[in-house]
Amino acid sequence: MEIPQLSDELVLPMEKAARRDAHVSVCLPNMFVLFLSERPVTNMYYKTVKEDSELWIARMCAFSDKTQRTITSCDFSYFCSIVVPDASPLELRTVCDWGNWVFPFDDMFDNGGLKNDPVRAQKLVNTLLSGMQDNRTVSDDSKEHLLVQVHNSVWSRFAKASPVGVRRRFAKAMRDYCNGAIEQVHSCSRGEHPTLDEMLALRRQSSGVSPLFALVEYGHKLHIPDTVFETRSIKEIERIGIDLVLLQNDLLSYCKEEKEGVVHNLVAICRHAGMPAQMAFDHIGGMLLSRYHDWYLALADLPSWGESIDSEVQQYIRGVQNVVKANLHWSFRSGRYFGEANEEVRKTGIITVRPKSVDVELEIL
């Protein structure tokens, strides 16, 4: 029997579709090294606080059952319980409330309704930051402004229990984070493709890591003089801590963000520049290695301020480490990036991605 042949008009679209759907395997760099190889210590109040925090934000924001399940599956309370393992239930609750707030807030800028809308994004950020100045009540009941009300509550609790220096550092970190998110929206709306260095500078702000450092001070009730934070070594430790988190994140979130069309990812930038998939992941892995080296150089350069201050500074540095550790271990526990394949990916280090970056592929098609 003669086998019917497909016409060229049908073959070409099918070949294009096959190219779109094809995937290649890449190997992630080993990230469970040095202090990151240690089993994380979680706060003893984690489970109780997790449930209370998730129910509270779901009620405050009138989340749907689906969104509430997503918050529970994301389990950012686990992340927070590693960041402040010795915090009391009260302080842990505030940190968890901020953590459960930041993901739905951040997603609006990454792949939500604000991704290409700089005017609305700026309006929301202005409302959020003004709430940290005068705690004004937000009358708007939209999803976006309900999240602002959640943050106002977190800020109120944080500010009442924190010294002025800690409040100032958290407020500055939040301004930087919001400014980074806005710049990301502007870049996305203009269809820009920043260089790797430009993207790294932007991600240091928009990744939202630095507010966690002030939450470490709050959660463990540290009283470190402001002058300590002006020293080169502490600034370097904070910079490296931020870089480690965002480099980890962009490696581990790439599959999810590739599907969602998120281009503000360091791996995506490398691939857009023409690197093959494995080379792009290896390049970001090499950047991680350089940060590990820088970390120990910064520690070696740490001055002494006297026994009592040095003790609290060491607690703070462990807190920065805990943020990095929390991000890595949480990424393989939460269902956010790999779903049910968490253990398999952690064991093998193998993930699958498109053979070409989304932008290069679209140009071909």
Protein backbone atom coordinates (compact mmCIF):
# COMPACT_ATOMS: atom_id res chain seq x y z
CA MET A 1 0.00 0.00 0.00
CA GLU A 2 1.35 3.40 -0.92
CA ILE A 3 2.10 5.60 2.06
CA PRO A 4 0.62 9.08 1.58
CA GLN A 5 3.21 11.87 1.62
CA LEU A 6 2.72 15.08 3.54
CA SER A 7 2.80 18.26 1.53
CA ASP A 8 5.56 20.82 2.07
CA GLU A 9 2.90 23.15 3.49
CA LEU A 10 2.34 20.65 6.35
CA VAL A 11 5.92 19.43 6.80
CA LEU A 12 7.49 22.84 7.43
CA PRO A 13 5.15 23.85 10.30
CA MET A 14 5.56 20.39 11.85
CA GLU A 15 9.34 20.67 11.71
CA LYS A 16 9.11 24.10 13.33
CA ALA A 17 6.84 22.77 16.05
CA ALA A 18 9.22 19.87 16.69
CA ARG A 19 12.10 22.31 17.05
CA ARG A 20 10.05 24.34 19.48
CA ASP A 21 9.20 21.30 21.61
CA ALA A 22 12.63 19.64 21.52
CA HIS A 23 14.66 19.73 24.72
CA VAL A 24 18.26 18.99 25.62
CA SER A 25 19.73 17.79 28.90
CA VAL A 26 22.16 19.94 30.84
CA CYS A 27 24.05 19.31 34.05
CA LEU A 28 23.74 21.80 36.89
CA PRO A 29 26.92 22.84 38.72
CA ASN A 30 27.35 21.27 42.15
CA MET A 31 26.06 23.87 44.60
CA PHE A 32 26.15 21.79 47.80
CA VAL A 33 29.73 22.74 48.63
CA LEU A 34 31.58 24.30 51.58
CA PHE A 35 29.12 25.65 54.19
CA LEU A 36 26.26 24.87 51.80
CA SER A 37 26.89 21.14 52.18
CA GLU A 38 25.87 21.28 55.86
CA ARG A 39 22.39 20.18 56.87
CA PRO A 40 20.41 23.34 57.63
CA VAL A 41 19.08 23.99 61.14
CA THR A 42 15.39 24.93 61.15
CA ASN A 43 13.57 26.95 63.77
CA MET A 44 11.78 24.72 66.29
CA TYR A 45 8.56 26.72 65.83
CA TYR A 46 8.54 26.32 62.03
CA LYS A 47 5.47 24.10 61.58
CA THR A 48 3.17 26.05 63.89
CA VAL A 49 4.22 29.44 62.55
CA LYS A 50 3.99 28.22 58.95
CA GLU A 51 0.33 27.30 59.31
CA ASP A 52 -0.59 30.53 61.10
CA SER A 53 1.28 32.72 58.61
CA GLU A 54 -0.17 31.06 55.52
CA LEU A 55 -3.74 31.22 56.83
CA TRP A 56 -3.28 34.88 57.75
CA ILE A 57 -2.01 36.07 54.36
CA ALA A 58 -4.64 33.98 52.54
CA ARG A 59 -7.36 35.71 54.60
CA MET A 60 -5.82 39.19 54.30
CA CYS A 61 -5.52 38.92 50.51
CA ALA A 62 -8.68 36.89 49.92
CA PHE A 63 -6.65 34.31 48.04
CA SER A 64 -8.46 31.62 46.08
CA ASP A 65 -8.09 28.02 47.23
CA LYS A 66 -5.66 27.46 44.35
CA THR A 67 -3.45 30.40 45.34
CA GLN A 68 -3.53 29.32 48.97
CA ARG A 69 -2.37 25.83 47.95
CA THR A 70 0.43 27.44 45.95
CA ILE A 71 1.57 29.42 49.00
CA THR A 72 1.54 26.24 51.09
CA SER A 73 3.43 24.28 48.42
CA CYS A 74 5.97 27.08 48.02
CA ASP A 75 6.68 26.78 51.78
CA PHE A 76 8.70 29.93 52.18
CA SER A 77 8.24 29.53 55.92
CA TYR A 78 10.78 26.70 55.67
CA PHE A 79 13.20 29.15 54.03
CA CYS A 80 12.60 31.67 56.84
CA SER A 81 13.01 29.07 59.58
CA ILE A 82 16.55 28.43 58.29
CA VAL A 83 17.31 32.17 58.05
CA VAL A 84 16.43 32.80 61.73
CA PRO A 85 16.76 29.40 63.45
CA ASP A 86 16.94 30.91 66.95
CA ALA A 87 14.12 33.45 66.64
CA SER A 88 11.18 33.39 69.04
CA PRO A 89 7.71 32.51 67.64
CA LEU A 90 6.84 36.22 67.50
CA GLU A 91 9.88 37.23 65.45
CA LEU A 92 9.71 34.11 63.27
CA ARG A 93 6.08 34.90 62.47
CA THR A 94 6.98 38.39 61.23
CA VAL A 95 9.82 37.02 59.09
CA CYS A 96 7.54 34.30 57.66
CA ASP A 97 4.80 36.84 56.94
CA TRP A 98 7.31 38.90 54.94
CA GLY A 99 8.48 35.77 53.12
CA ASN A 100 4.95 34.68 52.25
CA TRP A 101 4.28 38.24 51.07
CA VAL A 102 7.34 38.68 48.86
CA PHE A 103 6.66 35.80 46.45
CA PRO A 104 3.18 36.83 45.25
CA PHE A 105 4.40 40.46 45.22
CA ASP A 106 7.52 39.62 43.21
CA ASP A 107 5.65 37.41 40.75
CA MET A 108 3.55 40.39 39.64
CA PHE A 109 6.73 41.98 38.26
CA ASP A 110 8.24 38.77 36.81
CA ASN A 111 5.34 37.15 35.00
CA GLY A 112 2.18 38.83 36.29
CA GLY A 113 0.08 41.82 35.38
CA LEU A 114 2.81 44.39 36.06
CA LYS A 115 5.47 42.76 33.88
CA ASN A 116 4.91 45.19 30.99
CA ASP A 117 3.11 48.00 32.81
CA PRO A 118 5.65 50.44 34.33
CA VAL A 119 2.97 53.02 35.21
CA ARG A 120 0.93 50.63 37.38
CA ALA A 121 4.11 49.09 38.78
CA GLN A 122 5.44 52.51 39.86
CA LYS A 123 2.10 53.42 41.44
CA LEU A 124 2.11 50.21 43.48
CA VAL A 125 5.70 50.71 44.61
CA ASN A 126 4.98 54.30 45.63
CA THR A 127 2.04 53.13 47.73
CA LEU A 128 4.15 50.40 49.36
CA LEU A 129 7.05 52.70 50.25
CA SER A 130 4.78 55.48 51.52
CA GLY A 131 3.17 52.93 53.84
CA MET A 132 6.59 52.42 55.43
CA GLN A 133 6.82 56.15 56.14
CA ASP A 134 3.43 56.95 57.65
CA ASN A 135 1.55 53.63 57.88
CA ARG A 136 -1.40 55.05 55.96
CA THR A 137 -4.32 52.69 55.46
CA VAL A 138 -4.84 51.59 51.86
CA SER A 139 -8.51 51.78 50.90
CA ASP A 140 -8.11 50.03 47.53
CA ASP A 141 -9.24 46.39 47.78
CA SER A 142 -7.48 45.20 44.62
CA LYS A 143 -5.16 42.22 44.89
CA GLU A 144 -2.13 44.47 44.49
CA HIS A 145 -3.09 46.82 47.32
CA LEU A 146 -4.19 44.03 49.63
CA LEU A 147 -0.57 42.91 49.43
CA VAL A 148 0.47 46.43 50.42
CA GLN A 149 -1.73 46.13 53.52
CA VAL A 150 0.03 42.87 54.38
CA HIS A 151 3.42 44.56 54.12
CA ASN A 152 2.21 47.51 56.20
CA SER A 153 1.41 45.06 58.98
CA VAL A 154 4.82 43.41 58.73
CA TRP A 155 6.57 46.78 58.71
CA SER A 156 4.63 48.01 61.73
CA ARG A 157 5.67 44.99 63.80
CA PHE A 158 9.25 45.16 62.55
CA ALA A 159 9.61 48.90 63.23
CA LYS A 160 8.24 48.72 66.78
CA ALA A 161 10.76 46.07 67.80
CA SER A 162 13.88 47.25 65.95
CA PRO A 163 16.57 49.85 66.70
CA VAL A 164 16.68 52.82 64.34
CA GLY A 165 19.71 51.45 62.46
CA VAL A 166 17.97 48.16 61.68
CA ARG A 167 14.84 50.02 60.56
CA ARG A 168 16.94 52.22 58.30
CA ARG A 169 18.74 49.24 56.73
CA PHE A 170 15.48 47.38 56.08
CA ALA A 171 13.83 50.49 54.60
CA LYS A 172 16.81 51.11 52.30
CA ALA A 173 16.86 47.46 51.23
CA MET A 174 13.15 47.63 50.41
CA ARG A 175 13.64 50.83 48.37
CA ASP A 176 16.48 49.20 46.45
CA TYR A 177 14.40 46.08 45.85
CA CYS A 178 11.41 48.08 44.60
CA ASN A 179 13.61 50.28 42.38
CA GLY A 180 15.16 47.14 40.91
CA ALA A 181 11.73 45.66 40.24
CA ILE A 182 10.62 48.87 38.49
CA GLU A 183 13.79 48.99 36.38
CA GLN A 184 13.17 45.36 35.41
CA VAL A 185 9.62 46.26 34.30
CA HIS A 186 10.92 49.20 32.24
CA SER A 187 13.56 47.00 30.62
CA CYS A 188 11.00 44.29 29.85
CA SER A 189 8.44 46.75 28.44
CA ARG A 190 11.12 48.18 26.13
CA GLY A 191 12.16 44.72 24.98
CA GLU A 192 15.74 45.31 26.11
CA HIS A 193 18.37 42.62 26.54
CA PRO A 194 20.94 43.83 29.10
CA THR A 195 24.51 42.57 29.11
CA LEU A 196 25.52 40.06 31.76
CA ASP A 197 27.13 42.76 33.92
CA GLU A 198 24.09 45.02 33.55
CA MET A 199 21.77 42.17 34.46
CA LEU A 200 23.90 41.23 37.47
CA ALA A 201 23.70 44.80 38.78
CA LEU A 202 19.93 44.84 38.25
CA ARG A 203 19.40 41.42 39.83
CA ARG A 204 21.32 42.48 42.96
CA GLN A 205 18.44 44.87 43.58
CA SER A 206 15.42 43.10 42.10
CA SER A 207 16.17 39.70 43.68
CA GLY A 208 15.01 41.03 47.06
CA VAL A 209 17.80 39.39 49.08
CA SER A 210 19.09 42.35 51.10
CA PRO A 211 15.87 42.87 53.15
CA LEU A 212 16.49 39.38 54.57
CA PHE A 213 19.76 40.58 56.11
CA ALA A 214 17.89 43.21 58.15
CA LEU A 215 15.35 40.53 59.07
CA VAL A 216 18.27 38.49 60.45
CA GLU A 217 19.09 41.41 62.76
CA TYR A 218 15.44 41.68 63.78
CA GLY A 219 14.87 37.95 64.22
CA HIS A 220 17.92 37.41 66.41
CA LYS A 221 17.66 40.78 68.19
CA LEU A 222 21.15 41.88 67.22
CA HIS A 223 22.46 45.31 68.22
CA ILE A 224 25.37 45.97 65.90
CA PRO A 225 26.69 49.56 65.62
CA ASP A 226 25.98 51.28 62.32
CA THR A 227 29.70 51.84 61.74
CA VAL A 228 30.23 48.09 61.37
CA PHE A 229 28.11 48.09 58.23
CA GLU A 230 30.33 50.72 56.64
CA THR A 231 33.43 48.51 56.68
CA ARG A 232 34.65 47.09 53.39
CA SER A 233 34.62 43.47 54.56
CA ILE A 234 30.99 43.55 55.78
CA LYS A 235 29.86 45.24 52.57
CA GLU A 236 31.74 42.58 50.62
CA ILE A 237 30.18 39.75 52.65
CA GLU A 238 26.72 41.18 51.94
CA ARG A 239 27.48 41.63 48.24
CA ILE A 240 28.75 38.05 47.95
CA GLY A 241 25.77 36.71 49.89
CA ILE A 242 23.39 38.45 47.47
CA ASP A 243 25.33 37.18 44.44
CA LEU A 244 25.34 33.60 45.72
CA VAL A 245 21.56 33.64 46.16
CA LEU A 246 20.75 35.21 42.82
CA LEU A 247 23.22 32.98 40.92
CA GLN A 248 21.74 29.90 42.60
CA ASN A 249 18.24 31.15 41.88
CA ASP A 250 18.83 31.86 38.20
CA LEU A 251 20.32 28.40 37.69
CA LEU A 252 17.53 26.60 39.53
CA SER A 253 14.59 28.71 38.34
CA TYR A 254 15.64 28.73 34.68
CA CYS A 255 13.36 25.87 33.57
CA LYS A 256 10.32 27.51 35.17
CA GLU A 257 11.18 30.94 33.81
CA GLU A 258 11.96 29.59 30.34
CA LYS A 259 8.41 28.22 30.14
CA GLU A 260 6.99 31.53 31.35
CA GLY A 261 9.05 33.63 28.94
CA VAL A 262 10.96 35.41 31.73
CA VAL A 263 14.13 36.84 30.20
CA HIS A 264 15.55 38.57 33.30
CA ASN A 265 17.65 35.57 34.24
CA LEU A 266 21.45 35.36 34.03
CA VAL A 267 21.36 31.99 32.26
CA ALA A 268 18.89 33.43 29.74
CA ILE A 269 21.21 36.40 29.13
CA CYS A 270 24.11 34.04 28.41
CA ARG A 271 21.98 32.00 26.02
CA HIS A 272 20.69 35.10 24.26
CA ALA A 273 24.33 36.10 23.72
CA GLY A 274 24.78 32.83 21.80
CA MET A 275 26.11 30.38 24.39
CA PRO A 276 24.90 26.78 24.03
CA ALA A 277 22.80 25.58 26.96
CA GLN A 278 25.52 23.68 28.85
CA MET A 279 28.04 26.47 28.34
CA ALA A 280 25.60 29.02 29.77
CA PHE A 281 25.01 26.92 32.90
CA ASP A 282 28.75 26.29 33.27
CA HIS A 283 29.49 30.00 32.94
CA ILE A 284 27.10 30.91 35.78
CA GLY A 285 28.56 28.00 37.77
CA GLY A 286 32.00 29.54 37.32
CA MET A 287 30.68 32.82 38.70
CA LEU A 288 29.49 30.90 41.77
CA LEU A 289 32.97 29.46 42.29
CA SER A 290 34.55 32.91 42.19
CA ARG A 291 32.10 34.10 44.88
CA TYR A 292 33.10 31.24 47.21
CA HIS A 293 36.71 32.38 46.85
CA ASP A 294 35.75 36.01 47.51
CA TRP A 295 33.75 34.99 50.59
CA TYR A 296 36.77 33.59 52.42
CA LEU A 297 38.93 36.54 51.43
CA ALA A 298 36.33 38.87 52.94
CA LEU A 299 36.22 36.83 56.15
CA ALA A 300 40.00 36.96 56.43
CA ASP A 301 39.86 40.77 56.12
CA LEU A 302 37.28 41.19 58.91
CA PRO A 303 38.40 43.66 61.60
CA SER A 304 37.72 43.33 65.32
CA TRP A 305 35.45 45.65 67.30
CA GLY A 306 35.85 44.00 70.70
CA GLU A 307 34.49 40.75 72.09
CA SER A 308 30.82 41.70 72.55
CA ILE A 309 30.41 43.34 69.14
CA ASP A 310 32.47 40.65 67.40
CA SER A 311 30.12 38.01 68.79
CA GLU A 312 27.07 39.73 67.28
CA VAL A 313 28.89 40.35 63.99
CA GLN A 314 29.61 36.62 63.76
CA GLN A 315 25.91 35.93 64.34
CA TYR A 316 25.10 38.34 61.53
CA ILE A 317 27.58 36.67 59.17
CA ARG A 318 26.06 33.28 60.01
CA GLY A 319 22.72 34.87 59.18
CA VAL A 320 23.98 35.88 55.73
CA GLN A 321 25.24 32.31 55.29
CA ASN A 322 21.85 31.01 56.41
CA VAL A 323 20.10 33.10 53.76
CA VAL A 324 22.29 31.50 51.08
CA LYS A 325 21.85 28.05 52.60
CA ALA A 326 18.09 28.52 52.97
CA ASN A 327 17.72 29.48 49.32
CA LEU A 328 19.55 26.39 48.09
CA HIS A 329 17.92 23.82 50.35
CA TRP A 330 14.46 25.40 49.99
CA SER A 331 14.78 25.29 46.19
CA PHE A 332 14.98 21.50 46.34
CA ARG A 333 12.19 21.19 48.91
CA SER A 334 9.62 23.60 47.52
CA GLY A 335 7.55 22.53 44.53
CA ARG A 336 8.21 25.89 42.88
CA TYR A 337 10.98 24.89 40.46
CA PHE A 338 11.06 21.12 39.94
CA GLY A 339 7.75 19.90 41.35
CA GLU A 340 7.83 16.20 42.10
CA ALA A 341 11.24 15.85 40.42
CA ASN A 342 13.05 17.61 43.29
CA GLU A 343 14.93 14.56 44.58
CA GLU A 344 15.80 13.30 41.12
CA VAL A 345 17.24 16.67 40.07
CA ARG A 346 19.17 17.01 43.31
CA LYS A 347 20.60 13.50 42.92
CA THR A 348 21.48 13.64 39.23
CA GLY A 349 21.93 17.37 38.64
CA ILE A 350 20.26 16.87 35.25
CA ILE A 351 17.52 19.14 33.89
CA THR A 352 16.09 19.63 30.41
CA VAL A 353 15.88 22.95 28.57
CA ARG A 354 15.14 24.12 25.06
CA PRO A 355 18.09 23.67 22.70
CA LYS A 356 18.05 27.39 21.83
CA SER A 357 17.07 30.45 23.82
CA VAL A 358 13.49 31.60 23.31
CA ASP A 359 14.57 34.77 21.46
CA VAL A 360 16.99 33.01 19.11
CA GLU A 361 14.39 30.33 18.41
CA LEU A 362 11.74 32.88 17.56
CA GLU A 363 14.10 34.53 15.11
CA ILE A 364 14.67 31.17 13.38
CA LEU A 365 10.95 30.41 13.22
